[in-house]
Protein backbone atom coordinates (compact mmCIF):
# COMPACT_ATOMS: atom_id res chain seq x y z
CA MET A 1 -44.41 -49.50 13.28
CA ASP A 2 -42.58 -50.67 16.36
CA LYS A 3 -41.03 -48.10 18.76
CA GLU A 4 -37.74 -49.27 18.09
CA LYS A 5 -37.87 -48.44 14.30
CA GLN A 6 -39.55 -45.14 15.35
CA LYS A 7 -36.86 -44.09 17.69
CA SER A 8 -34.45 -44.87 15.12
CA ILE A 9 -36.05 -42.84 12.45
CA ILE A 10 -36.19 -40.02 14.98
CA LYS A 11 -32.55 -39.92 15.87
CA LYS A 12 -31.99 -39.91 12.14
CA TYR A 13 -33.76 -36.84 11.59
CA VAL A 14 -32.68 -35.07 14.63
CA PHE A 15 -29.10 -35.87 13.46
CA ILE A 16 -29.83 -34.65 10.08
CA PHE A 17 -31.41 -31.30 11.65
CA PHE A 18 -28.05 -30.46 13.69
CA LEU A 19 -25.95 -31.46 10.84
CA VAL A 20 -27.78 -28.90 8.55
CA ILE A 21 -27.80 -26.25 11.14
CA ALA A 22 -23.91 -26.88 11.61
CA ILE A 23 -23.11 -26.77 8.12
CA ALA A 24 -25.32 -23.36 8.00
CA ILE A 25 -23.59 -21.92 10.87
CA SER A 26 -20.16 -22.84 8.97
CA ILE A 27 -21.39 -21.19 5.75
CA ILE A 28 -22.37 -18.20 7.51
CA LEU A 29 -19.05 -17.72 9.19
CA MET A 30 -17.40 -18.09 6.11
CA ILE A 31 -19.35 -15.67 4.26
CA VAL A 32 -18.74 -13.14 7.35
CA TYR A 33 -15.17 -14.03 7.50
CA ASN A 34 -14.71 -13.08 3.73
CA GLU A 35 -16.58 -9.92 4.24
CA GLN A 36 -14.75 -8.67 7.68
CA GLY A 37 -11.70 -10.73 7.85
CA GLU A 38 -10.01 -10.74 10.76
CA ILE A 39 -11.32 -8.54 13.49
CA ASN A 40 -8.62 -8.79 16.04
CA MET A 41 -5.24 -8.79 14.60
CA PRO A 42 -2.17 -8.27 17.07
CA TYR A 43 -0.97 -5.39 14.73
CA LYS A 44 -2.92 -2.98 12.22
CA LEU A 45 -2.42 -0.30 9.41
CA ASP A 46 -3.21 2.91 11.32
CA LYS A 47 -2.65 5.60 8.63
CA ILE A 48 -0.96 6.17 5.12
CA ILE A 49 0.78 9.86 4.22
CA ILE A 50 1.15 10.35 0.89
CA LYS A 51 3.51 13.18 -0.25
CA SER A 52 3.32 13.87 -4.12
CA ALA A 53 5.31 16.42 -5.92
CA ILE A 54 6.20 17.20 -9.62
CA ASP A 55 9.95 16.45 -10.43
CA ALA A 56 12.12 17.22 -13.29
CA LYS A 57 15.62 16.16 -14.33
CA SER A 58 17.80 18.48 -16.34
CA ASN A 59 19.56 17.45 -19.60
CA GLU A 60 22.78 19.04 -20.98
CA SER A 61 22.33 20.79 -24.06
CA ASP A 62 22.24 23.96 -25.79
CA LYS A 63 19.00 24.79 -24.97
CA LEU A 64 17.95 27.12 -21.42
CA TRP A 65 15.68 24.68 -20.75
CA ASP A 66 15.90 20.94 -21.56
CA LEU A 67 13.93 18.90 -18.75
CA ASP A 68 12.43 15.48 -18.43
CA ILE A 69 9.40 15.47 -16.41
CA ALA A 70 8.41 12.98 -13.72
CA GLN A 71 5.95 12.76 -10.50
CA ASN A 72 7.26 11.14 -7.06
CA ASN A 73 4.81 9.73 -4.57
CA ASP A 74 6.52 9.35 -1.42
CA ILE A 75 4.33 6.96 0.92
CA TYR A 76 4.59 6.36 4.43
CA MET A 77 2.54 3.47 5.96
CA TYR A 78 2.18 3.35 9.97
CA ILE A 79 1.74 -0.15 11.38
CA GLY A 80 0.51 -0.12 15.03
CA LYS A 81 -0.24 -2.66 17.86
CA ASN A 82 -3.81 -3.50 18.24
CA ALA A 83 -4.73 -2.14 21.92
CA THR A 84 -7.70 -4.58 21.89
CA THR A 85 -5.66 -7.74 21.51
CA LYS A 86 -4.22 -9.50 24.65
CA LYS A 87 -1.52 -11.45 22.20
CA GLU A 88 2.18 -11.05 23.58
CA ASP A 89 3.57 -11.18 20.26
CA ASN A 90 6.10 -8.53 18.05
CA ILE A 91 6.38 -7.57 14.43
CA LYS A 92 8.45 -9.91 12.55
CA SER A 93 8.64 -8.58 8.99
CA ILE A 94 6.26 -6.54 6.65
CA LYS A 95 5.75 -7.19 3.14
CA VAL A 96 4.40 -5.36 0.13
CA GLU A 97 3.82 -7.69 -2.86
CA ASN A 98 1.78 -8.32 -5.90
CA ILE A 99 1.98 -4.60 -6.89
CA LYS A 100 -0.38 -3.25 -9.83
CA THR A 101 -0.40 0.08 -11.02
CA SER A 102 -3.03 1.51 -13.69
CA ASN A 103 -1.11 4.92 -14.91
CA LYS A 104 -2.08 6.29 -18.26
CA ILE A 105 1.02 7.46 -19.06
CA GLY A 106 4.89 7.14 -18.05
CA GLU A 107 6.75 4.58 -16.41
CA THR A 108 5.96 3.41 -12.70
CA VAL A 109 8.93 2.39 -10.81
CA LEU A 110 9.05 1.74 -7.22
CA LEU A 111 12.26 2.92 -4.92
CA LEU A 112 13.20 2.34 -1.48
CA PRO A 113 15.31 4.79 0.79
CA THR A 114 18.91 4.45 0.55
CA SER A 115 19.31 6.81 3.73
CA THR A 116 17.53 7.75 7.02
CA ASP A 117 17.37 11.81 5.85
CA ILE A 118 14.12 12.27 4.71
CA LYS A 119 15.36 15.27 2.18
CA THR A 120 17.70 13.32 0.35
CA ASN A 121 16.79 9.48 1.35
CA TYR A 122 16.12 8.59 -2.55
CA VAL A 123 18.80 10.47 -4.07
CA ASN A 124 20.99 7.21 -4.66
CA SER A 125 17.97 5.01 -5.25
CA THR A 126 17.97 2.99 -8.35
CA GLU A 127 16.82 -0.31 -8.13
CA ASN A 128 12.94 -0.96 -9.26
CA PHE A 129 11.10 -3.20 -6.85
CA LEU A 130 7.85 -2.70 -8.59
CA GLN A 131 8.21 -6.38 -10.13
CA LYS A 132 9.31 -8.26 -6.99
CA GLY A 133 8.05 -6.11 -3.84
CA PHE A 134 10.07 -5.89 -0.74
CA GLU A 135 10.21 -6.18 2.89
CA TYR A 136 10.95 -4.62 6.03
CA LYS A 137 12.07 -6.78 8.72
CA SER A 138 11.80 -6.45 12.61
CA ALA A 139 14.32 -4.17 14.51
CA LYS A 140 14.49 -2.35 17.83
CA SER A 141 13.53 0.96 15.82
CA ASP A 142 12.59 1.89 12.41
CA ASN A 143 15.34 2.50 10.19
CA MET A 144 14.22 3.55 6.50
CA GLN A 145 17.96 2.92 5.17
CA ASN A 146 18.10 -0.66 6.18
CA GLN A 147 14.28 -1.66 5.53
CA GLU A 148 14.05 -2.29 9.36
CA ILE A 149 10.32 -1.49 11.43
CA GLY A 150 10.08 -1.17 14.95
CA GLN A 151 9.40 -4.72 16.70
CA ASN A 152 6.27 -2.96 18.28
CA GLY A 153 5.10 -1.21 15.36
CA GLY A 154 6.76 1.76 13.07
CA ILE A 155 6.74 3.32 9.62
CA ILE A 156 8.00 1.86 6.40
CA ALA A 157 8.59 4.08 3.38
CA PHE A 158 8.72 3.64 -0.23
CA ARG A 159 8.28 6.02 -3.34
CA VAL A 160 6.27 5.29 -6.49
CA ARG A 161 7.70 7.29 -9.10
CA ASN A 162 5.83 7.77 -12.48
CA GLN A 163 8.87 8.98 -15.06
CA ASN A 164 9.11 9.81 -18.89
CA LEU A 165 5.80 11.71 -18.57
CA GLY A 166 7.23 14.08 -21.10
CA LYS A 167 9.77 16.60 -21.97
CA TYR A 168 9.88 20.35 -21.61
CA ILE A 169 12.54 22.03 -24.23
CA SER A 170 12.83 25.76 -24.50
CA ASP A 171 14.95 28.94 -24.70
CA GLU A 172 12.54 30.78 -23.18
CA GLY A 173 11.50 32.07 -19.52
CA GLU A 174 13.90 32.90 -16.67
CA GLU A 175 12.09 30.94 -14.13
CA ILE A 176 10.32 27.20 -14.05
CA LYS A 177 7.63 26.72 -11.41
CA TYR A 178 7.23 23.14 -10.43
CA ASN A 179 3.61 22.87 -10.64
CA ASN A 180 0.76 22.19 -13.15
CA GLU A 181 2.42 25.41 -15.27
CA LEU A 182 5.25 22.81 -15.93
CA LEU A 183 2.60 19.86 -16.85
CA LYS A 184 1.25 22.48 -19.52
CA LYS A 185 4.44 23.56 -20.95
CA ALA A 186 5.32 20.05 -21.32
CA GLY A 187 1.81 19.28 -22.83
CA ILE A 188 0.77 17.07 -20.14
CA ASN A 189 -2.68 16.73 -18.86
CA GLU A 190 -3.07 16.68 -15.18
CA GLU A 191 -5.85 14.50 -15.34
CA ASP A 192 -3.56 11.60 -17.25
CA LEU A 193 -1.17 11.37 -14.28
CA GLU A 194 -3.83 10.01 -12.06
CA PHE A 195 -3.53 5.89 -11.37
CA ASN A 196 -4.38 3.66 -8.62
CA PHE A 197 -1.53 1.89 -6.92
CA THR A 198 -2.75 -1.41 -5.66
CA PHE A 199 -0.59 -4.26 -3.17
CA ASP A 200 -1.06 -6.92 -0.82
CA LEU A 201 0.16 -5.73 2.76
CA ILE A 202 1.40 -8.59 4.55
CA ILE A 203 2.00 -8.55 8.59
CA GLU A 204 4.11 -11.22 10.06
CA THR A 205 4.48 -11.70 14.00
CA THR A 206 6.91 -13.44 15.96
CA ASN A 207 4.04 -16.08 16.83
CA ASP A 208 4.35 -17.13 12.91
CA GLU A 209 1.05 -15.75 11.85
CA LYS A 210 0.49 -14.01 8.91
CA PHE A 211 -2.26 -11.43 7.76
CA LYS A 212 -2.64 -10.07 4.19
CA GLY A 213 -4.66 -7.21 2.95
CA THR A 214 -5.06 -5.85 -0.22
CA VAL A 215 -4.54 -1.86 -0.25
CA THR A 216 -5.59 0.52 -3.18
CA ILE A 217 -4.48 3.80 -3.12
CA LYS A 218 -5.22 6.89 -5.55
CA LEU A 219 -2.09 8.66 -6.87
CA PRO A 220 -0.94 11.36 -6.73
CA ALA A 221 -2.29 12.82 -3.36
CA GLU A 222 -4.58 15.50 -4.82
CA LYS A 223 -4.33 17.86 -7.97
CA PHE A 224 -1.22 20.07 -7.96
CA GLU A 225 -2.72 23.10 -9.53
CA GLU A 226 -0.72 26.07 -8.49
CA LYS A 227 1.43 23.96 -5.81
CA GLY A 228 4.48 21.91 -6.68
CA SER A 229 3.54 19.09 -3.99
CA VAL A 230 0.33 18.03 -2.19
CA ASP A 231 -0.21 15.77 1.07
CA LYS A 232 -2.87 13.33 2.01
CA GLU A 233 -3.42 11.23 5.21
CA ILE A 234 -5.53 8.29 4.87
CA THR A 235 -6.87 6.54 8.19
CA ASP A 236 -9.88 4.72 6.74
CA PHE A 237 -9.27 1.07 5.79
CA SER A 238 -12.78 -0.33 6.35
CA LYS A 239 -12.58 -1.65 2.59
CA VAL A 240 -9.12 -3.54 3.31
CA VAL A 241 -9.65 -6.95 4.42
CA PHE A 242 -7.19 -8.81 6.27
CA LYS A 243 -7.03 -12.43 6.29
CA ARG A 244 -4.79 -15.17 7.47
CA SER A 245 -2.16 -16.16 5.19
CA GLU A 246 0.09 -18.95 4.70
């Protein structure tokens, strides 16, 4: 075999070697990205606060008590700027899409605030956004009533209401306690109230970058037992993988 042919064969094998190395590195990077996602997003999900409560609507009838039982979950998601990034951009919008629930009983609806008063901001909320999702657009500061979030980070709020859980109709008793006592009177097992609420959270920046991650939270926040309302704060999002989205 002459030297030129040997050189040609060596070059061929060297090319194949580096090609295999490049492909292997690409595959490893893809696996790491699929597992970890974006590690240096300009904005991130900082925390979620859940406020859960038992609710009841009184119906007009000749009974002392004629109540339709429901359960509300007010959710506040905090989006903050990533201190480790050097990118100079702002939030353009925050979207919640592809919503799924696993409730055993009742009918789940998703409501948006219609006022800025935290005590009454869902009183006039009637439109159900469960199927189509919703969007908070960027503004100078947060405004729940207008579905606006601060351009440098802020809060988005919504309510997940599980209604038509059951009824309590009675002429007995002078007082109703809105805790698991009411659930028992209506024949509702508290464990049947538990369900997973899953959705895609999309963070879009003014640089036209979109980052999407799937979030799952367990509702209600905690067991009610003797309480009428319970709270929970979530800060561990290690299982939420954000990736670039079109």
